[in-house]
């Protein structure tokens, strides 16, 4: 679970940094990528834990 969360957050940040460099909007899109990574990671962990709980 920790790996999935870390990869999701890291991917969001990396994508945000790359987009910031392209559009020269530093740090706006990095922050957006971080937030989206946390949301996606949280959903992935929640769904993974729901499997263990039998839902």
PDB file of N, CA and C in Angstrom:
ATOM      1  N   UNK A   1       0.808  -1.199   0.000  1.00  0.00           N
ATOM      2  CA  UNK A   1       0.000   0.000   0.000  1.00  0.00           C
ATOM      3  C   UNK A   1       0.855   1.268   0.000  1.00  0.00           C
ATOM      4  N   UNK A   2       1.922   1.260   0.782  1.00  0.00           N
ATOM      5  CA  UNK A   2       2.781   2.443   0.861  1.00  0.00           C
ATOM      6  C   UNK A   2       3.433   2.698  -0.488  1.00  0.00           C
ATOM      7  N   UNK A   3       3.802   1.625  -1.185  1.00  0.00           N
ATOM      8  CA  UNK A   3       4.428   1.769  -2.498  1.00  0.00           C
ATOM      9  C   UNK A   3       3.493   2.405  -3.513  1.00  0.00           C
ATOM     10  N   UNK A   4       2.242   1.966  -3.498  1.00  0.00           N
ATOM     11  CA  UNK A   4       1.253   2.521  -4.428  1.00  0.00           C
ATOM     12  C   UNK A   4       1.047   4.003  -4.149  1.00  0.00           C
ATOM     13  N   UNK A   5       0.922   4.359  -2.881  1.00  0.00           N
ATOM     14  CA  UNK A   5       0.729   5.759  -2.514  1.00  0.00           C
ATOM     15  C   UNK A   5       1.928   6.600  -2.931  1.00  0.00           C
ATOM     16  N   UNK A   6       3.124   6.099  -2.662  1.00  0.00           N
ATOM     17  CA  UNK A   6       4.347   6.836  -2.991  1.00  0.00           C
ATOM     18  C   UNK A   6       4.499   7.040  -4.492  1.00  0.00           C
ATOM     19  N   UNK A   7       4.230   5.992  -5.253  1.00  0.00           N
ATOM     20  CA  UNK A   7       4.346   6.095  -6.713  1.00  0.00           C
ATOM     21  C   UNK A   7       3.328   7.078  -7.269  1.00  0.00           C
ATOM     22  N   UNK A   8       2.115   7.041  -6.742  1.00  0.00           N
ATOM     23  CA  UNK A   8       1.071   7.945  -7.228  1.00  0.00           C
ATOM     24  C   UNK A   8       1.408   9.405  -6.929  1.00  0.00           C
ATOM     25  N   UNK A   9       1.842   9.678  -5.714  1.00  0.00           N
ATOM     26  CA  UNK A   9       2.205  11.052  -5.346  1.00  0.00           C
ATOM     27  C   UNK A   9       3.432  11.501  -6.138  1.00  0.00           C
ATOM     28  N   UNK A  10       4.423  10.631  -6.222  1.00  0.00           N
ATOM     29  CA  UNK A  10       5.633  10.968  -6.977  1.00  0.00           C
ATOM     30  C   UNK A  10       5.351  11.241  -8.434  1.00  0.00           C
ATOM     31  N   UNK A  11       4.470  10.445  -9.026  1.00  0.00           N
ATOM     32  CA  UNK A  11       4.114  10.653 -10.438  1.00  0.00           C
ATOM     33  C   UNK A  11       3.425  11.995 -10.638  1.00  0.00           C
ATOM     34  N   UNK A  12       2.552  12.352  -9.705  1.00  0.00           N
ATOM     35  CA  UNK A  12       1.876  13.646  -9.802  1.00  0.00           C
ATOM     36  C   UNK A  12       2.848  14.807  -9.714  1.00  0.00           C
ATOM     37  N   UNK A  13       3.808  14.702  -8.808  1.00  0.00           N
ATOM     38  CA  UNK A  13       4.801  15.771  -8.642  1.00  0.00           C
ATOM     39  C   UNK A  13       5.699  15.868  -9.875  1.00  0.00           C
ATOM     40  N   UNK A  14       6.169  14.732 -10.362  1.00  0.00           N
ATOM     41  CA  UNK A  14       7.041  14.740 -11.548  1.00  0.00           C
ATOM     42  C   UNK A  14       6.304  15.317 -12.746  1.00  0.00           C
ATOM     43  N   UNK A  15       5.059  14.898 -12.942  1.00  0.00           N
ATOM     44  CA  UNK A  15       4.272  15.438 -14.053  1.00  0.00           C
ATOM     45  C   UNK A  15       4.085  16.948 -13.893  1.00  0.00           C
ATOM     46  N   UNK A  16       3.825  17.396 -12.666  1.00  0.00           N
ATOM     47  CA  UNK A  16       3.663  18.824 -12.416  1.00  0.00           C
ATOM     48  C   UNK A  16       4.923  19.613 -12.701  1.00  0.00           C
ATOM     49  N   UNK A  17       6.071  19.088 -12.292  1.00  0.00           N
ATOM     50  CA  UNK A  17       7.347  19.769 -12.538  1.00  0.00           C
ATOM     51  C   UNK A  17       7.616  19.869 -14.037  1.00  0.00           C
ATOM     52  N   UNK A  18       7.399  18.769 -14.744  1.00  0.00           N
ATOM     53  CA  UNK A  18       7.629  18.786 -16.195  1.00  0.00           C
ATOM     54  C   UNK A  18       6.703  19.771 -16.905  1.00  0.00           C
ATOM     55  N   UNK A  19       5.444  19.794 -16.494  1.00  0.00           N
ATOM     56  CA  UNK A  19       4.512  20.748 -17.097  1.00  0.00           C
ATOM     57  C   UNK A  19       4.866  22.183 -16.722  1.00  0.00           C
ATOM     58  N   UNK A  20       5.312  22.397 -15.486  1.00  0.00           N
ATOM     59  CA  UNK A  20       5.752  23.737 -15.074  1.00  0.00           C
ATOM     60  C   UNK A  20       6.929  24.218 -15.910  1.00  0.00           C
ATOM     61  N   UNK A  21       7.878  23.330 -16.159  1.00  0.00           N
ATOM     62  CA  UNK A  21       9.026  23.714 -16.984  1.00  0.00           C
ATOM     63  C   UNK A  21       8.588  24.042 -18.411  1.00  0.00           C
ATOM     64  N   UNK A  22       7.639  23.280 -18.924  1.00  0.00           N
ATOM     65  CA  UNK A  22       7.179  23.512 -20.286  1.00  0.00           C
ATOM     66  C   UNK A  22       6.401  24.829 -20.411  1.00  0.00           C
ATOM     67  N   UNK A  23       5.477  25.061 -19.476  1.00  0.00           N
ATOM     68  CA  UNK A  23       4.621  26.246 -19.550  1.00  0.00           C
ATOM     69  C   UNK A  23       5.159  27.426 -18.739  1.00  0.00           C
ATOM     70  N   UNK A  24       6.280  27.226 -18.039  1.00  0.00           N
ATOM     71  CA  UNK A  24       6.906  28.256 -17.203  1.00  0.00           C
ATOM     72  C   UNK A  24       5.926  28.850 -16.187  1.00  0.00           C
ATOM     73  N   UNK A  25       5.285  27.952 -15.437  1.00  0.00           N
ATOM     74  CA  UNK A  25       4.306  28.360 -14.431  1.00  0.00           C
ATOM     75  C   UNK A  25       4.718  27.927 -13.027  1.00  0.00           C
ATOM     76  N   UNK A  26       6.015  27.687 -12.813  1.00  0.00           N
ATOM     77  CA  UNK A  26       6.516  27.174 -11.540  1.00  0.00           C
ATOM     78  C   UNK A  26       6.010  28.011 -10.377  1.00  0.00           C
ATOM     79  N   UNK A  27       5.509  27.497  -9.332  1.00  0.00           N
ATOM     80  CA  UNK A  27       5.274  26.124  -8.905  1.00  0.00           C
ATOM     81  C   UNK A  27       3.809  25.704  -8.993  1.00  0.00           C
ATOM     82  N   UNK A  28       3.003  26.377  -9.777  1.00  0.00           N
ATOM     83  CA  UNK A  28       1.559  26.137  -9.811  1.00  0.00           C
ATOM     84  C   UNK A  28       1.215  24.686 -10.146  1.00  0.00           C
ATOM     85  N   UNK A  29       1.692  24.189 -11.262  1.00  0.00           N
ATOM     86  CA  UNK A  29       1.326  22.848 -11.691  1.00  0.00           C
ATOM     87  C   UNK A  29       1.982  21.764 -10.841  1.00  0.00           C
ATOM     88  N   UNK A  30       3.101  22.072 -10.219  1.00  0.00           N
ATOM     89  CA  UNK A  30       3.705  21.121  -9.286  1.00  0.00           C
ATOM     90  C   UNK A  30       2.777  20.918  -8.095  1.00  0.00           C
ATOM     91  N   UNK A  31       2.215  21.997  -7.592  1.00  0.00           N
ATOM     92  CA  UNK A  31       1.266  21.898  -6.480  1.00  0.00           C
ATOM     93  C   UNK A  31       0.011  21.143  -6.893  1.00  0.00           C
ATOM     94  N   UNK A  32      -0.500  21.424  -8.084  1.00  0.00           N
ATOM     95  CA  UNK A  32      -1.683  20.714  -8.589  1.00  0.00           C
ATOM     96  C   UNK A  32      -1.383  19.220  -8.720  1.00  0.00           C
ATOM     97  N   UNK A  33      -0.212  18.877  -9.242  1.00  0.00           N
ATOM     98  CA  UNK A  33       0.187  17.477  -9.355  1.00  0.00           C
ATOM     99  C   UNK A  33       0.307  16.810  -7.998  1.00  0.00           C
ATOM    100  N   UNK A  34       0.824  17.529  -7.015  1.00  0.00           N
ATOM    101  CA  UNK A  34       0.938  16.998  -5.660  1.00  0.00           C
ATOM    102  C   UNK A  34      -0.443  16.689  -5.084  1.00  0.00           C
ATOM    103  N   UNK A  35      -1.368  17.619  -5.226  1.00  0.00           N
ATOM    104  CA  UNK A  35      -2.722  17.423  -4.703  1.00  0.00           C
ATOM    105  C   UNK A  35      -3.404  16.255  -5.414  1.00  0.00           C
ATOM    106  N   UNK A  36      -3.299  16.207  -6.736  1.00  0.00           N
ATOM    107  CA  UNK A  36      -3.907  15.100  -7.473  1.00  0.00           C
ATOM    108  C   UNK A  36      -3.256  13.769  -7.110  1.00  0.00           C
ATOM    109  N   UNK A  37      -1.965  13.780  -6.864  1.00  0.00           N
ATOM    110  CA  UNK A  37      -1.276  12.570  -6.435  1.00  0.00           C
ATOM    111  C   UNK A  37      -1.768  12.087  -5.082  1.00  0.00           C
ATOM    112  N   UNK A  38      -1.964  13.009  -4.145  1.00  0.00           N
ATOM    113  CA  UNK A  38      -2.487  12.627  -2.835  1.00  0.00           C
ATOM    114  C   UNK A  38      -3.900  12.067  -2.951  1.00  0.00           C
ATOM    115  N   UNK A  39      -4.726  12.691  -3.766  1.00  0.00           N
ATOM    116  CA  UNK A  39      -6.102  12.211  -3.938  1.00  0.00           C
ATOM    117  C   UNK A  39      -6.100  10.824  -4.578  1.00  0.00           C
ATOM    118  N   UNK A  40      -5.338  10.670  -5.650  1.00  0.00           N
ATOM    119  CA  UNK A  40      -5.261   9.372  -6.312  1.00  0.00           C
ATOM    120  C   UNK A  40      -4.659   8.302  -5.426  1.00  0.00           C
ATOM    121  N   UNK A  41      -3.622   8.648  -4.694  1.00  0.00           N
ATOM    122  CA  UNK A  41      -2.997   7.699  -3.773  1.00  0.00           C
ATOM    123  C   UNK A  41      -3.933   7.309  -2.644  1.00  0.00           C
ATOM    124  N   UNK A  42      -4.648   8.274  -2.131  1.00  0.00           N
ATOM    125  CA  UNK A  42      -5.620   7.985  -1.071  1.00  0.00           C
ATOM    126  C   UNK A  42      -6.717   7.052  -1.547  1.00  0.00           C
ATOM    127  N   UNK A  43      -7.211   7.292  -2.756  1.00  0.00           N
ATOM    128  CA  UNK A  43      -8.239   6.408  -3.317  1.00  0.00           C
ATOM    129  C   UNK A  43      -7.705   5.006  -3.550  1.00  0.00           C
ATOM    130  N   UNK A  44      -6.472   4.899  -4.027  1.00  0.00           N
ATOM    131  CA  UNK A  44      -5.871   3.582  -4.270  1.00  0.00           C
ATOM    132  C   UNK A  44      -5.703   2.813  -2.965  1.00  0.00           C
ATOM    133  N   UNK A  45      -5.249   3.495  -1.921  1.00  0.00           N
ATOM    134  CA  UNK A  45      -5.081   2.835  -0.623  1.00  0.00           C
ATOM    135  C   UNK A  45      -6.445   2.445  -0.058  1.00  0.00           C
ATOM    136  N   UNK A  46      -7.422   3.307  -0.180  1.00  0.00           N
ATOM    137  CA  UNK A  46      -8.765   3.006   0.317  1.00  0.00           C
ATOM    138  C   UNK A  46      -9.344   1.777  -0.381  1.00  0.00           C
ATOM    139  N   UNK A  47      -9.200   1.730  -1.691  1.00  0.00           N
ATOM    140  CA  UNK A  47      -9.707   0.573  -2.434  1.00  0.00           C
ATOM    141  C   UNK A  47      -8.946  -0.696  -2.077  1.00  0.00           C
ATOM    142  N   UNK A  48      -7.648  -0.590  -1.886  1.00  0.00           N
ATOM    143  CA  UNK A  48      -6.850  -1.745  -1.493  1.00  0.00           C
ATOM    144  C   UNK A  48      -7.236  -2.267  -0.120  1.00  0.00           C
ATOM    145  N   UNK A  49      -7.469  -1.364   0.807  1.00  0.00           N
ATOM    146  CA  UNK A  49      -7.871  -1.781   2.151  1.00  0.00           C
ATOM    147  C   UNK A  49      -9.283  -2.340   2.157  1.00  0.00           C
ATOM    148  N   UNK A  50     -10.142  -1.850   1.273  1.00  0.00           N
ATOM    149  CA  UNK A  50     -11.514  -2.375   1.185  1.00  0.00           C
ATOM    150  C   UNK A  50     -11.487  -3.852   0.768  1.00  0.00           C
ATOM    151  N   UNK A  51     -10.519  -4.270  -0.018  1.00  0.00           N
ATOM    152  CA  UNK A  51     -10.407  -5.672  -0.391  1.00  0.00           C
ATOM    153  C   UNK A  51     -10.126  -6.538   0.829  1.00  0.00           C
ATOM    154  N   UNK A  52      -9.294  -6.035   1.745  1.00  0.00           N
ATOM    155  CA  UNK A  52      -8.968  -6.791   2.949  1.00  0.00           C
ATOM    156  C   UNK A  52     -10.132  -6.841   3.929  1.00  0.00           C
ATOM    157  N   UNK A  53     -10.986  -5.851   3.859  1.00  0.00           N
ATOM    158  CA  UNK A  53     -12.135  -5.800   4.767  1.00  0.00           C
ATOM    159  C   UNK A  53     -13.312  -6.599   4.239  1.00  0.00           C
ATOM    160  N   UNK A  54     -13.209  -7.075   2.983  1.00  0.00           N
ATOM    161  CA  UNK A  54     -14.270  -7.902   2.433  1.00  0.00           C
ATOM    162  C   UNK A  54     -15.396  -7.141   1.761  1.00  0.00           C
ATOM    163  N   UNK A  55     -15.102  -5.954   1.304  1.00  0.00           N
ATOM    164  CA  UNK A  55     -16.166  -5.180   0.623  1.00  0.00           C
ATOM    165  C   UNK A  55     -16.002  -5.266  -0.859  1.00  0.00           C
TER     166      UNK A  55
END
